[in-house]
C-alpha atoms as a PDB file:
ATOM      1  CA  MET A   1       3.570 -42.423  20.539  1.00  0.00           C
ATOM      2  CA  THR A   2       3.566 -40.251  17.456  1.00  0.00           C
ATOM      3  CA  GLY A   3       3.403 -36.493  17.712  1.00  0.00           C
ATOM      4  CA  PRO A   4       4.562 -34.158  20.472  1.00  0.00           C
ATOM      5  CA  VAL A   5       3.091 -33.531  23.900  1.00  0.00           C
ATOM      6  CA  LEU A   6       0.877 -30.440  23.857  1.00  0.00           C
ATOM      7  CA  ALA A   7       1.034 -28.628  27.192  1.00  0.00           C
ATOM      8  CA  LEU A   8      -1.442 -25.856  28.004  1.00  0.00           C
ATOM      9  CA  ALA A   9      -0.022 -23.399  30.510  1.00  0.00           C
ATOM     10  CA  GLY A  10      -0.377 -20.085  32.264  1.00  0.00           C
ATOM     11  CA  GLY A  11       1.022 -18.527  35.417  1.00  0.00           C
ATOM     12  CA  VAL A  12       3.874 -19.629  37.651  1.00  0.00           C
ATOM     13  CA  GLY A  13       2.614 -23.184  38.274  1.00  0.00           C
ATOM     14  CA  GLY A  14       2.137 -23.798  34.578  1.00  0.00           C
ATOM     15  CA  ALA A  15       5.611 -22.441  33.842  1.00  0.00           C
ATOM     16  CA  LYS A  16       7.197 -24.707  36.447  1.00  0.00           C
ATOM     17  CA  LEU A  17       5.713 -27.878  34.980  1.00  0.00           C
ATOM     18  CA  ALA A  18       6.515 -26.650  31.465  1.00  0.00           C
ATOM     19  CA  TRP A  19      10.150 -26.291  32.572  1.00  0.00           C
ATOM     20  CA  GLY A  20      10.094 -29.816  33.996  1.00  0.00           C
ATOM     21  CA  LEU A  21       8.675 -31.232  30.775  1.00  0.00           C
ATOM     22  CA  ALA A  22      11.315 -29.359  28.774  1.00  0.00           C
ATOM     23  CA  GLN A  23      14.044 -31.080  30.804  1.00  0.00           C
ATOM     24  CA  ILE A  24      12.856 -34.580  29.880  1.00  0.00           C
ATOM     25  CA  LEU A  25      11.385 -34.061  26.401  1.00  0.00           C
ATOM     26  CA  ALA A  26      13.323 -33.020  23.308  1.00  0.00           C
ATOM     27  CA  PRO A  27      12.280 -29.811  21.506  1.00  0.00           C
ATOM     28  CA  GLU A  28      10.434 -31.797  18.858  1.00  0.00           C
ATOM     29  CA  GLU A  29       8.545 -33.695  21.578  1.00  0.00           C
ATOM     30  CA  LEU A  30       6.923 -30.715  23.317  1.00  0.00           C
ATOM     31  CA  VAL A  31       4.787 -27.720  22.358  1.00  0.00           C
ATOM     32  CA  ILE A  32       3.844 -25.280  25.123  1.00  0.00           C
ATOM     33  CA  VAL A  33       0.717 -23.252  24.354  1.00  0.00           C
ATOM     34  CA  VAL A  34       0.327 -20.274  26.658  1.00  0.00           C
ATOM     35  CA  ASN A  35      -2.604 -18.138  27.751  1.00  0.00           C
ATOM     36  CA  THR A  36      -2.592 -14.578  26.382  1.00  0.00           C
ATOM     37  CA  GLY A  37      -5.795 -13.347  28.024  1.00  0.00           C
ATOM     38  CA  ASP A  38      -3.563 -11.531  30.536  1.00  0.00           C
ATOM     39  CA  ASP A  39      -1.885  -9.429  27.829  1.00  0.00           C
ATOM     40  CA  ALA A  40      -2.087  -5.669  28.288  1.00  0.00           C
ATOM     41  CA  THR A  41      -0.436  -2.428  27.224  1.00  0.00           C
ATOM     42  CA  PHE A  42       1.680  -0.537  29.744  1.00  0.00           C
ATOM     43  CA  HIS A  43       3.638   2.631  28.909  1.00  0.00           C
ATOM     44  CA  GLY A  44       2.893   1.973  25.243  1.00  0.00           C
ATOM     45  CA  LEU A  45       4.395  -1.520  25.376  1.00  0.00           C
ATOM     46  CA  HIS A  46       2.723  -4.868  24.659  1.00  0.00           C
ATOM     47  CA  VAL A  47       3.184  -7.057  27.736  1.00  0.00           C
ATOM     48  CA  SER A  48       2.387 -10.805  27.660  1.00  0.00           C
ATOM     49  CA  PRO A  49       2.764 -11.826  31.324  1.00  0.00           C
ATOM     50  CA  ASP A  50       2.091 -15.573  31.008  1.00  0.00           C
ATOM     51  CA  VAL A  51       4.186 -15.937  27.860  1.00  0.00           C
ATOM     52  CA  ASP A  52       6.976 -13.963  29.534  1.00  0.00           C
ATOM     53  CA  THR A  53       6.848 -16.129  32.666  1.00  0.00           C
ATOM     54  CA  VAL A  54       7.157 -19.292  30.604  1.00  0.00           C
ATOM     55  CA  MET A  55      10.017 -17.821  28.547  1.00  0.00           C
ATOM     56  CA  TYR A  56      11.936 -16.563  31.574  1.00  0.00           C
ATOM     57  CA  THR A  57      11.424 -19.876  33.358  1.00  0.00           C
ATOM     58  CA  LEU A  58      12.663 -21.997  30.448  1.00  0.00           C
ATOM     59  CA  ALA A  59      15.582 -19.612  29.916  1.00  0.00           C
ATOM     60  CA  GLY A  60      16.622 -19.863  33.568  1.00  0.00           C
ATOM     61  CA  LEU A  61      16.048 -16.128  34.114  1.00  0.00           C
ATOM     62  CA  ALA A  62      12.901 -16.123  36.275  1.00  0.00           C
ATOM     63  CA  ASN A  63      12.971 -14.486  39.682  1.00  0.00           C
ATOM     64  CA  PRO A  64      12.985 -17.427  42.140  1.00  0.00           C
ATOM     65  CA  GLU A  65      11.263 -15.325  44.812  1.00  0.00           C
ATOM     66  CA  THR A  66       8.169 -14.500  42.768  1.00  0.00           C
ATOM     67  CA  GLY A  67       8.298 -17.002  39.896  1.00  0.00           C
ATOM     68  CA  TRP A  68       7.810 -14.122  37.435  1.00  0.00           C
ATOM     69  CA  GLY A  69      10.009 -11.292  36.226  1.00  0.00           C
ATOM     70  CA  VAL A  70      13.786 -11.413  35.863  1.00  0.00           C
ATOM     71  CA  ALA A  71      16.043 -12.502  38.723  1.00  0.00           C
ATOM     72  CA  GLY A  72      18.053  -9.647  40.217  1.00  0.00           C
ATOM     73  CA  ASP A  73      16.175  -6.989  38.256  1.00  0.00           C
ATOM     74  CA  SER A  74      16.050  -3.321  39.272  1.00  0.00           C
ATOM     75  CA  SER A  75      13.277  -0.729  38.905  1.00  0.00           C
ATOM     76  CA  GLN A  76      14.973   2.575  38.090  1.00  0.00           C
ATOM     77  CA  VAL A  77      12.902   3.159  34.949  1.00  0.00           C
ATOM     78  CA  LEU A  78       9.665   2.699  36.898  1.00  0.00           C
ATOM     79  CA  GLU A  79      10.899   5.049  39.613  1.00  0.00           C
ATOM     80  CA  MET A  80      11.572   7.749  37.030  1.00  0.00           C
ATOM     81  CA  LEU A  81       8.211   7.126  35.346  1.00  0.00           C
ATOM     82  CA  ALA A  82       6.559   7.721  38.717  1.00  0.00           C
ATOM     83  CA  ARG A  83       8.386  11.047  38.997  1.00  0.00           C
ATOM     84  CA  TYR A  84       6.929  11.985  35.632  1.00  0.00           C
ATOM     85  CA  GLY A  85       3.438  11.222  36.909  1.00  0.00           C
ATOM     86  CA  ALA A  86       2.892   7.830  35.243  1.00  0.00           C
ATOM     87  CA  GLU A  87       0.936   5.076  36.983  1.00  0.00           C
ATOM     88  CA  THR A  88       3.396   2.410  38.072  1.00  0.00           C
ATOM     89  CA  TRP A  89       1.264  -0.122  39.929  1.00  0.00           C
ATOM     90  CA  PHE A  90       2.162  -2.766  37.334  1.00  0.00           C
ATOM     91  CA  GLN A  91       5.725  -3.762  38.125  1.00  0.00           C
ATOM     92  CA  LEU A  92       8.106  -3.902  35.178  1.00  0.00           C
ATOM     93  CA  GLY A  93      11.793  -4.333  35.939  1.00  0.00           C
ATOM     94  CA  ASP A  94      14.524  -2.645  33.951  1.00  0.00           C
ATOM     95  CA  ARG A  95      15.755  -5.834  32.265  1.00  0.00           C
ATOM     96  CA  ASP A  96      12.174  -7.014  31.840  1.00  0.00           C
ATOM     97  CA  LEU A  97      11.344  -3.831  29.927  1.00  0.00           C
ATOM     98  CA  ALA A  98      13.796  -4.820  27.199  1.00  0.00           C
ATOM     99  CA  LEU A  99      11.586  -7.794  26.311  1.00  0.00           C
ATOM    100  CA  HIS A 100       8.452  -5.654  26.041  1.00  0.00           C
ATOM    101  CA  ILE A 101      10.231  -2.990  24.010  1.00  0.00           C
ATOM    102  CA  ARG A 102      11.505  -5.580  21.558  1.00  0.00           C
ATOM    103  CA  ARG A 103       8.123  -7.358  21.331  1.00  0.00           C
ATOM    104  CA  THR A 104       6.369  -4.068  20.634  1.00  0.00           C
ATOM    105  CA  GLU A 105       8.927  -3.298  17.911  1.00  0.00           C
ATOM    106  CA  LEU A 106       8.362  -6.682  16.275  1.00  0.00           C
ATOM    107  CA  LEU A 107       4.580  -6.313  16.396  1.00  0.00           C
ATOM    108  CA  GLY A 108       4.956  -2.809  14.973  1.00  0.00           C
ATOM    109  CA  GLN A 109       6.872  -4.320  12.058  1.00  0.00           C
ATOM    110  CA  GLY A 110       3.806  -6.392  11.235  1.00  0.00           C
ATOM    111  CA  LYS A 111       4.869  -9.657  12.858  1.00  0.00           C
ATOM    112  CA  THR A 112       2.259 -11.735  14.617  1.00  0.00           C
ATOM    113  CA  LEU A 113       2.496 -12.463  18.319  1.00  0.00           C
ATOM    114  CA  SER A 114       3.456 -16.045  17.382  1.00  0.00           C
ATOM    115  CA  LEU A 115       6.391 -14.904  15.242  1.00  0.00           C
ATOM    116  CA  ALA A 116       7.469 -12.346  17.835  1.00  0.00           C
ATOM    117  CA  THR A 117       7.369 -14.983  20.576  1.00  0.00           C
ATOM    118  CA  GLN A 118       9.387 -17.387  18.434  1.00  0.00           C
ATOM    119  CA  GLU A 119      12.064 -14.778  17.801  1.00  0.00           C
ATOM    120  CA  LEU A 120      12.220 -13.681  21.436  1.00  0.00           C
ATOM    121  CA  SER A 121      12.421 -17.297  22.658  1.00  0.00           C
ATOM    122  CA  ARG A 122      15.275 -18.091  20.310  1.00  0.00           C
ATOM    123  CA  SER A 123      17.102 -14.959  21.447  1.00  0.00           C
ATOM    124  CA  LEU A 124      16.935 -16.314  25.008  1.00  0.00           C
ATOM    125  CA  GLY A 125      18.338 -19.671  23.879  1.00  0.00           C
ATOM    126  CA  ILE A 126      15.049 -21.555  24.233  1.00  0.00           C
ATOM    127  CA  GLU A 127      14.754 -24.505  21.854  1.00  0.00           C
ATOM    128  CA  HIS A 128      11.282 -25.751  22.827  1.00  0.00           C
ATOM    129  CA  ALA A 129       8.270 -24.190  21.111  1.00  0.00           C
ATOM    130  CA  ILE A 130       6.425 -21.578  23.186  1.00  0.00           C
ATOM    131  CA  VAL A 131       3.227 -20.677  21.349  1.00  0.00           C
ATOM    132  CA  PRO A 132       0.601 -18.043  22.223  1.00  0.00           C
ATOM    133  CA  MET A 133      -2.940 -19.414  22.213  1.00  0.00           C
ATOM    134  CA  THR A 134      -3.962 -16.852  19.577  1.00  0.00           C
ATOM    135  CA  ASP A 135      -2.508 -14.009  17.553  1.00  0.00           C
ATOM    136  CA  ASP A 136      -5.728 -12.063  18.059  1.00  0.00           C
ATOM    137  CA  ALA A 137      -6.628  -9.829  20.984  1.00  0.00           C
ATOM    138  CA  VAL A 138      -8.440 -11.796  23.706  1.00  0.00           C
ATOM    139  CA  ARG A 139      -8.623 -10.010  27.055  1.00  0.00           C
ATOM    140  CA  THR A 140      -9.741 -11.531  30.346  1.00  0.00           C
ATOM    141  CA  VAL A 141     -12.309  -9.363  32.144  1.00  0.00           C
ATOM    142  CA  VAL A 142     -13.168  -9.994  35.787  1.00  0.00           C
ATOM    143  CA  ASN A 143     -16.674  -8.984  36.866  1.00  0.00           C
ATOM    144  CA  THR A 144     -16.457  -8.126  40.567  1.00  0.00           C
ATOM    145  CA  GLU A 145     -18.694  -6.619  43.230  1.00  0.00           C
ATOM    146  CA  GLU A 146     -16.911  -3.340  42.414  1.00  0.00           C
ATOM    147  CA  GLY A 147     -17.611  -3.603  38.685  1.00  0.00           C
ATOM    148  CA  GLU A 148     -15.837  -5.013  35.643  1.00  0.00           C
ATOM    149  CA  MET A 149     -12.051  -4.896  35.676  1.00  0.00           C
ATOM    150  CA  PRO A 150      -9.389  -5.810  33.132  1.00  0.00           C
ATOM    151  CA  PHE A 151      -7.521  -8.785  34.502  1.00  0.00           C
ATOM    152  CA  GLN A 152      -4.344  -6.913  35.462  1.00  0.00           C
ATOM    153  CA  VAL A 153      -6.329  -4.242  37.300  1.00  0.00           C
ATOM    154  CA  TYR A 154      -8.042  -6.963  39.352  1.00  0.00           C
ATOM    155  CA  PHE A 155      -4.933  -9.086  39.824  1.00  0.00           C
ATOM    156  CA  VAL A 156      -2.191  -6.515  40.382  1.00  0.00           C
ATOM    157  CA  LYS A 157      -3.743  -3.148  41.202  1.00  0.00           C
ATOM    158  CA  HIS A 158      -6.456  -4.542  43.475  1.00  0.00           C
ATOM    159  CA  ARG A 159      -4.480  -7.642  44.548  1.00  0.00           C
ATOM    160  CA  CYS A 160      -7.484  -9.939  43.891  1.00  0.00           C
ATOM    161  CA  VAL A 161      -9.406  -8.435  46.833  1.00  0.00           C
ATOM    162  CA  PRO A 162     -12.805  -7.662  45.184  1.00  0.00           C
ATOM    163  CA  ARG A 163     -15.255 -10.563  45.205  1.00  0.00           C
ATOM    164  CA  VAL A 164     -15.558 -12.203  41.793  1.00  0.00           C
ATOM    165  CA  ARG A 165     -18.952 -12.724  40.173  1.00  0.00           C
ATOM    166  CA  SER A 166     -17.890 -14.001  36.763  1.00  0.00           C
ATOM    167  CA  VAL A 167     -15.027 -14.021  34.264  1.00  0.00           C
ATOM    168  CA  THR A 168     -15.419 -13.260  30.561  1.00  0.00           C
ATOM    169  CA  PHE A 169     -13.040 -13.101  27.618  1.00  0.00           C
ATOM    170  CA  ALA A 170     -13.443 -10.043  25.427  1.00  0.00           C
ATOM    171  CA  GLY A 171     -12.694 -10.737  21.772  1.00  0.00           C
ATOM    172  CA  ALA A 172     -12.688 -14.501  22.136  1.00  0.00           C
ATOM    173  CA  GLY A 173     -15.651 -14.993  19.837  1.00  0.00           C
ATOM    174  CA  GLU A 174     -13.771 -13.470  16.924  1.00  0.00           C
ATOM    175  CA  ALA A 175     -10.364 -14.971  17.722  1.00  0.00           C
ATOM    176  CA  GLY A 176      -8.691 -17.862  15.960  1.00  0.00           C
ATOM    177  CA  VAL A 177      -6.199 -20.361  17.298  1.00  0.00           C
ATOM    178  CA  SER A 178      -2.600 -19.459  16.532  1.00  0.00           C
ATOM    179  CA  PRO A 179      -0.955 -21.470  13.721  1.00  0.00           C
ATOM    180  CA  GLY A 180       1.295 -23.323  16.180  1.00  0.00           C
ATOM    181  CA  PHE A 181      -1.633 -24.198  18.432  1.00  0.00           C
ATOM    182  CA  ASP A 182      -3.699 -25.371  15.479  1.00  0.00           C
ATOM    183  CA  ARG A 183      -0.858 -27.568  14.253  1.00  0.00           C
ATOM    184  CA  ALA A 184      -0.285 -29.017  17.723  1.00  0.00           C
ATOM    185  CA  LEU A 185      -3.972 -29.857  18.138  1.00  0.00           C
ATOM    186  CA  ASN A 186      -3.780 -31.766  14.856  1.00  0.00           C
ATOM    187  CA  GLU A 187      -0.432 -33.484  15.422  1.00  0.00           C
ATOM    188  CA  ALA A 188       0.007 -33.956  19.179  1.00  0.00           C
ATOM    189  CA  GLY A 189       0.037 -37.456  20.610  1.00  0.00           C
ATOM    190  CA  ALA A 190      -0.889 -36.340  24.141  1.00  0.00           C
ATOM    191  CA  LEU A 191      -2.311 -33.307  25.891  1.00  0.00           C
ATOM    192  CA  VAL A 192      -1.374 -31.921  29.316  1.00  0.00           C
ATOM    193  CA  PHE A 193      -3.177 -29.267  31.332  1.00  0.00           C
ATOM    194  CA  CYS A 194      -0.494 -27.743  33.546  1.00  0.00           C
ATOM    195  CA  PRO A 195      -1.433 -26.758  37.141  1.00  0.00           C
ATOM    196  CA  SER A 196      -2.718 -23.326  36.154  1.00  0.00           C
ATOM    197  CA  ASN A 197      -5.655 -21.224  37.324  1.00  0.00           C
ATOM    198  CA  LEU A 198      -8.799 -22.727  35.801  1.00  0.00           C
ATOM    199  CA  TYR A 199     -10.575 -19.424  35.204  1.00  0.00           C
ATOM    200  CA  LEU A 200      -7.674 -17.095  34.435  1.00  0.00           C
ATOM    201  CA  SER A 201      -5.246 -19.337  32.536  1.00  0.00           C
ATOM    202  CA  ILE A 202      -7.048 -22.395  31.150  1.00  0.00           C
ATOM    203  CA  ASP A 203     -10.515 -21.025  30.378  1.00  0.00           C
ATOM    204  CA  PRO A 204      -9.152 -18.230  28.155  1.00  0.00           C
ATOM    205  CA  ILE A 205      -7.538 -20.921  25.992  1.00  0.00           C
ATOM    206  CA  LEU A 206     -10.776 -22.917  25.938  1.00  0.00           C
ATOM    207  CA  SER A 207     -12.758 -19.776  25.046  1.00  0.00           C
ATOM    208  CA  ILE A 208     -11.313 -19.613  21.528  1.00  0.00           C
ATOM    209  CA  PRO A 209     -13.939 -21.015  19.124  1.00  0.00           C
ATOM    210  CA  GLY A 210     -13.400 -24.692  18.367  1.00  0.00           C
ATOM    211  CA  VAL A 211     -10.745 -25.354  21.004  1.00  0.00           C
ATOM    212  CA  ARG A 212     -12.987 -26.982  23.619  1.00  0.00           C
ATOM    213  CA  ARG A 213     -14.568 -29.198  20.960  1.00  0.00           C
ATOM    214  CA  ARG A 214     -11.199 -30.255  19.572  1.00  0.00           C
ATOM    215  CA  ILE A 215      -9.858 -31.109  23.018  1.00  0.00           C
ATOM    216  CA  ALA A 216     -13.054 -33.012  23.861  1.00  0.00           C
ATOM    217  CA  SER A 217     -12.561 -35.152  20.737  1.00  0.00           C
ATOM    218  CA  PHE A 218      -8.765 -35.406  21.092  1.00  0.00           C
ATOM    219  CA  GLN A 219      -7.770 -39.021  20.492  1.00  0.00           C
ATOM    220  CA  GLY A 220      -4.602 -39.200  22.597  1.00  0.00           C
ATOM    221  CA  PRO A 221      -4.269 -39.369  26.394  1.00  0.00           C
ATOM    222  CA  ARG A 222      -5.226 -36.169  28.229  1.00  0.00           C
ATOM    223  CA  VAL A 223      -3.772 -35.446  31.670  1.00  0.00           C
ATOM    224  CA  ALA A 224      -4.455 -32.490  33.966  1.00  0.00           C
ATOM    225  CA  VAL A 225      -2.538 -31.561  37.108  1.00  0.00           C
ATOM    226  CA  SER A 226      -4.680 -30.068  39.871  1.00  0.00           C
ATOM    227  CA  PRO A 227      -3.715 -26.531  40.904  1.00  0.00           C
ATOM    228  CA  ILE A 228      -5.573 -27.060  44.190  1.00  0.00           C
ATOM    229  CA  VAL A 229      -3.799 -28.899  47.011  1.00  0.00           C
ATOM    230  CA  GLY A 230      -5.462 -29.471  50.367  1.00  0.00           C
ATOM    231  CA  GLY A 231      -8.174 -26.926  49.659  1.00  0.00           C
ATOM    232  CA  GLU A 232      -5.723 -24.167  48.746  1.00  0.00           C
ATOM    233  CA  ALA A 233      -4.201 -22.846  45.551  1.00  0.00           C
ATOM    234  CA  VAL A 234      -0.469 -23.495  45.454  1.00  0.00           C
ATOM    235  CA  LYS A 235      -0.118 -19.908  44.220  1.00  0.00           C
ATOM    236  CA  GLY A 236      -2.573 -17.191  43.251  1.00  0.00           C
ATOM    237  CA  PRO A 237      -6.286 -16.516  43.863  1.00  0.00           C
ATOM    238  CA  LEU A 238      -7.857 -19.697  42.484  1.00  0.00           C
ATOM    239  CA  ALA A 239      -9.215 -21.062  45.798  1.00  0.00           C
ATOM    240  CA  LYS A 240     -10.729 -17.655  46.646  1.00  0.00           C
ATOM    241  CA  MET A 241     -12.284 -17.411  43.196  1.00  0.00           C
ATOM    242  CA  MET A 242     -13.748 -20.908  43.353  1.00  0.00           C
ATOM    243  CA  THR A 243     -15.475 -20.093  46.630  1.00  0.00           C
ATOM    244  CA  GLU A 244     -16.794 -16.769  45.346  1.00  0.00           C
ATOM    245  CA  LEU A 245     -18.130 -18.446  42.204  1.00  0.00           C
ATOM    246  CA  GLY A 246     -20.066 -20.933  44.318  1.00  0.00           C
ATOM    247  CA  ARG A 247     -17.727 -23.894  43.979  1.00  0.00           C
ATOM    248  CA  GLU A 248     -15.759 -25.779  46.591  1.00  0.00           C
ATOM    249  CA  ALA A 249     -12.014 -25.197  46.560  1.00  0.00           C
ATOM    250  CA  THR A 250     -11.195 -28.878  46.128  1.00  0.00           C
ATOM    251  CA  CYS A 251      -9.490 -31.090  43.602  1.00  0.00           C
ATOM    252  CA  THR A 252     -12.880 -32.748  43.030  1.00  0.00           C
ATOM    253  CA  ALA A 253     -14.220 -29.390  41.841  1.00  0.00           C
ATOM    254  CA  VAL A 254     -11.182 -29.146  39.565  1.00  0.00           C
ATOM    255  CA  ALA A 255     -12.114 -32.555  38.154  1.00  0.00           C
ATOM    256  CA  ARG A 256     -15.674 -31.348  37.478  1.00  0.00           C
ATOM    257  CA  HIS A 257     -14.228 -28.436  35.525  1.00  0.00           C
ATOM    258  CA  TYR A 258     -12.307 -30.887  33.345  1.00  0.00           C
ATOM    259  CA  VAL A 259     -15.071 -33.449  32.741  1.00  0.00           C
ATOM    260  CA  GLY A 260     -15.004 -34.363  29.058  1.00  0.00           C
ATOM    261  CA  LEU A 261     -11.620 -32.702  28.571  1.00  0.00           C
ATOM    262  CA  CYS A 262      -9.202 -34.965  30.419  1.00  0.00           C
ATOM    263  CA  ASP A 263      -8.809 -38.645  31.215  1.00  0.00           C
ATOM    264  CA  VAL A 264      -6.513 -38.442  34.240  1.00  0.00           C
ATOM    265  CA  LEU A 265      -6.299 -35.834  37.000  1.00  0.00           C
ATOM    266  CA  VAL A 266      -3.071 -35.785  38.961  1.00  0.00           C
ATOM    267  CA  ILE A 267      -3.769 -34.847  42.583  1.00  0.00           C
ATOM    268  CA  ASP A 268      -1.437 -34.348  45.513  1.00  0.00           C
ATOM    269  CA  GLU A 269      -1.006 -36.897  48.287  1.00  0.00           C
ATOM    270  CA  ALA A 270      -2.781 -34.443  50.594  1.00  0.00           C
ATOM    271  CA  ASP A 271      -5.940 -35.045  48.546  1.00  0.00           C
ATOM    272  CA  GLY A 272      -5.672 -38.806  48.172  1.00  0.00           C
ATOM    273  CA  ALA A 273      -8.985 -39.315  49.969  1.00  0.00           C
ATOM    274  CA  SER A 274     -10.738 -37.537  47.075  1.00  0.00           C
ATOM    275  CA  ALA A 275      -9.671 -40.109  44.488  1.00  0.00           C
ATOM    276  CA  ALA A 276     -12.939 -42.070  44.622  1.00  0.00           C
ATOM    277  CA  GLU A 277     -15.057 -38.920  44.141  1.00  0.00           C
ATOM    278  CA  ILE A 278     -12.981 -37.939  41.130  1.00  0.00           C
ATOM    279  CA  GLU A 279     -13.187 -41.379  39.565  1.00  0.00           C
ATOM    280  CA  ALA A 280     -16.979 -41.321  40.010  1.00  0.00           C
ATOM    281  CA  LEU A 281     -16.913 -38.425  37.530  1.00  0.00           C
ATOM    282  CA  GLY A 282     -15.285 -40.666  34.931  1.00  0.00           C
ATOM    283  CA  ILE A 283     -11.778 -39.289  35.407  1.00  0.00           C
ATOM    284  CA  ARG A 284      -8.947 -41.437  36.713  1.00  0.00           C
ATOM    285  CA  ALA A 285      -7.229 -39.970  39.777  1.00  0.00           C
ATOM    286  CA  ASP A 286      -3.471 -40.335  40.059  1.00  0.00           C
ATOM    287  CA  VAL A 287      -2.030 -39.528  43.483  1.00  0.00           C
ATOM    288  CA  THR A 288       1.515 -38.164  43.529  1.00  0.00           C
ATOM    289  CA  PRO A 289       3.378 -35.187  45.074  1.00  0.00           C
ATOM    290  CA  THR A 290       2.463 -32.133  42.997  1.00  0.00           C
ATOM    291  CA  VAL A 291       3.901 -29.179  44.939  1.00  0.00           C
ATOM    292  CA  MET A 292       7.024 -28.053  43.091  1.00  0.00           C
ATOM    293  CA  HIS A 293       9.389 -26.533  45.653  1.00  0.00           C
ATOM    294  CA  GLY A 294      12.465 -26.789  43.465  1.00  0.00           C
ATOM    295  CA  PRO A 295      13.859 -28.153  40.191  1.00  0.00           C
ATOM    296  CA  GLU A 296      13.861 -31.770  41.369  1.00  0.00           C
ATOM    297  CA  ASP A 297      10.146 -31.607  42.197  1.00  0.00           C
ATOM    298  CA  ARG A 298       9.376 -30.133  38.780  1.00  0.00           C
ATOM    299  CA  ILE A 299      11.239 -32.918  37.011  1.00  0.00           C
ATOM    300  CA  LYS A 300       9.655 -35.657  39.150  1.00  0.00           C
ATOM    301  CA  LEU A 301       6.164 -34.360  38.416  1.00  0.00           C
ATOM    302  CA  ALA A 302       6.994 -34.031  34.723  1.00  0.00           C
ATOM    303  CA  GLN A 303       8.278 -37.609  34.679  1.00  0.00           C
ATOM    304  CA  ARG A 304       5.038 -38.827  36.254  1.00  0.00           C
ATOM    305  CA  VAL A 305       3.010 -36.906  33.683  1.00  0.00           C
ATOM    306  CA  ARG A 306       5.111 -38.409  30.896  1.00  0.00           C
ATOM    307  CA  GLU A 307       4.443 -41.900  32.269  1.00  0.00           C
ATOM    308  CA  LEU A 308       0.704 -41.195  32.408  1.00  0.00           C
ATOM    309  CA  VAL A 309       0.561 -40.124  28.758  1.00  0.00           C
ATOM    310  CA  GLY A 310       2.669 -43.136  27.761  1.00  0.00           C
ATOM    311  CA  TYR A 311       5.442 -41.126  26.206  1.00  0.00           C
END
């Protein structure tokens, strides 16, 4: 195969598979493009939660309890901010804050989010390319029964409780793909959808003009890993959202979401009985363990994905 593997990722599940792929593919063989629809400003700082989760995971710094944030972090700054009357519902650890301070400095110097991410990744000793989906502002907005909410307000402040009616991506229509994403779409030999939330992590990437069309016409093998196992999301609100949006929380529904965009859907052994339904949609179903409890599981799944794309 010529060209690297292009992995599209967001959230903890996406970061775990990205880590697994980074263990078995050389830096020149992998480009990880990350959702930035979750980005927001807190305490004057630019926070990129999905990018940060991928960076911390690849750097070996991620909190193993949550999958996000820095392991062993403290929250003294947040505690003092609360004393000063600031809203502190969005958790930012003391060591985590250093990343957001530095990113905000770099952006303030006129660097793009891509260049800032590259510099921050290198500072953490990461050799594989971590690329934001865009350098423009695209913000995920969740329309709920309680009104429209910025993603972080829905996800963190309200803990995903309000019923979801729709999800939109403010600014997407005017956004362009980042230079690294554009290059990867042109040069990649294979494409992988990591097991990320369809509506909150993958759809923001697909919302950028031209991306869906380019993936639909992508000439290399395209593999997606289902984030739904046995009718439940491995992590996060995806199953709840699917139900509220009128879809079944099944890997078959995941396959429908990817029709025209992927050739193979990797599903867990718990969903093996759904293989025929998926293949009736024109997508090959590959049954293998997909729940990543620890590093060995991540590597095994990554190895299976590599086999499926023929790398």
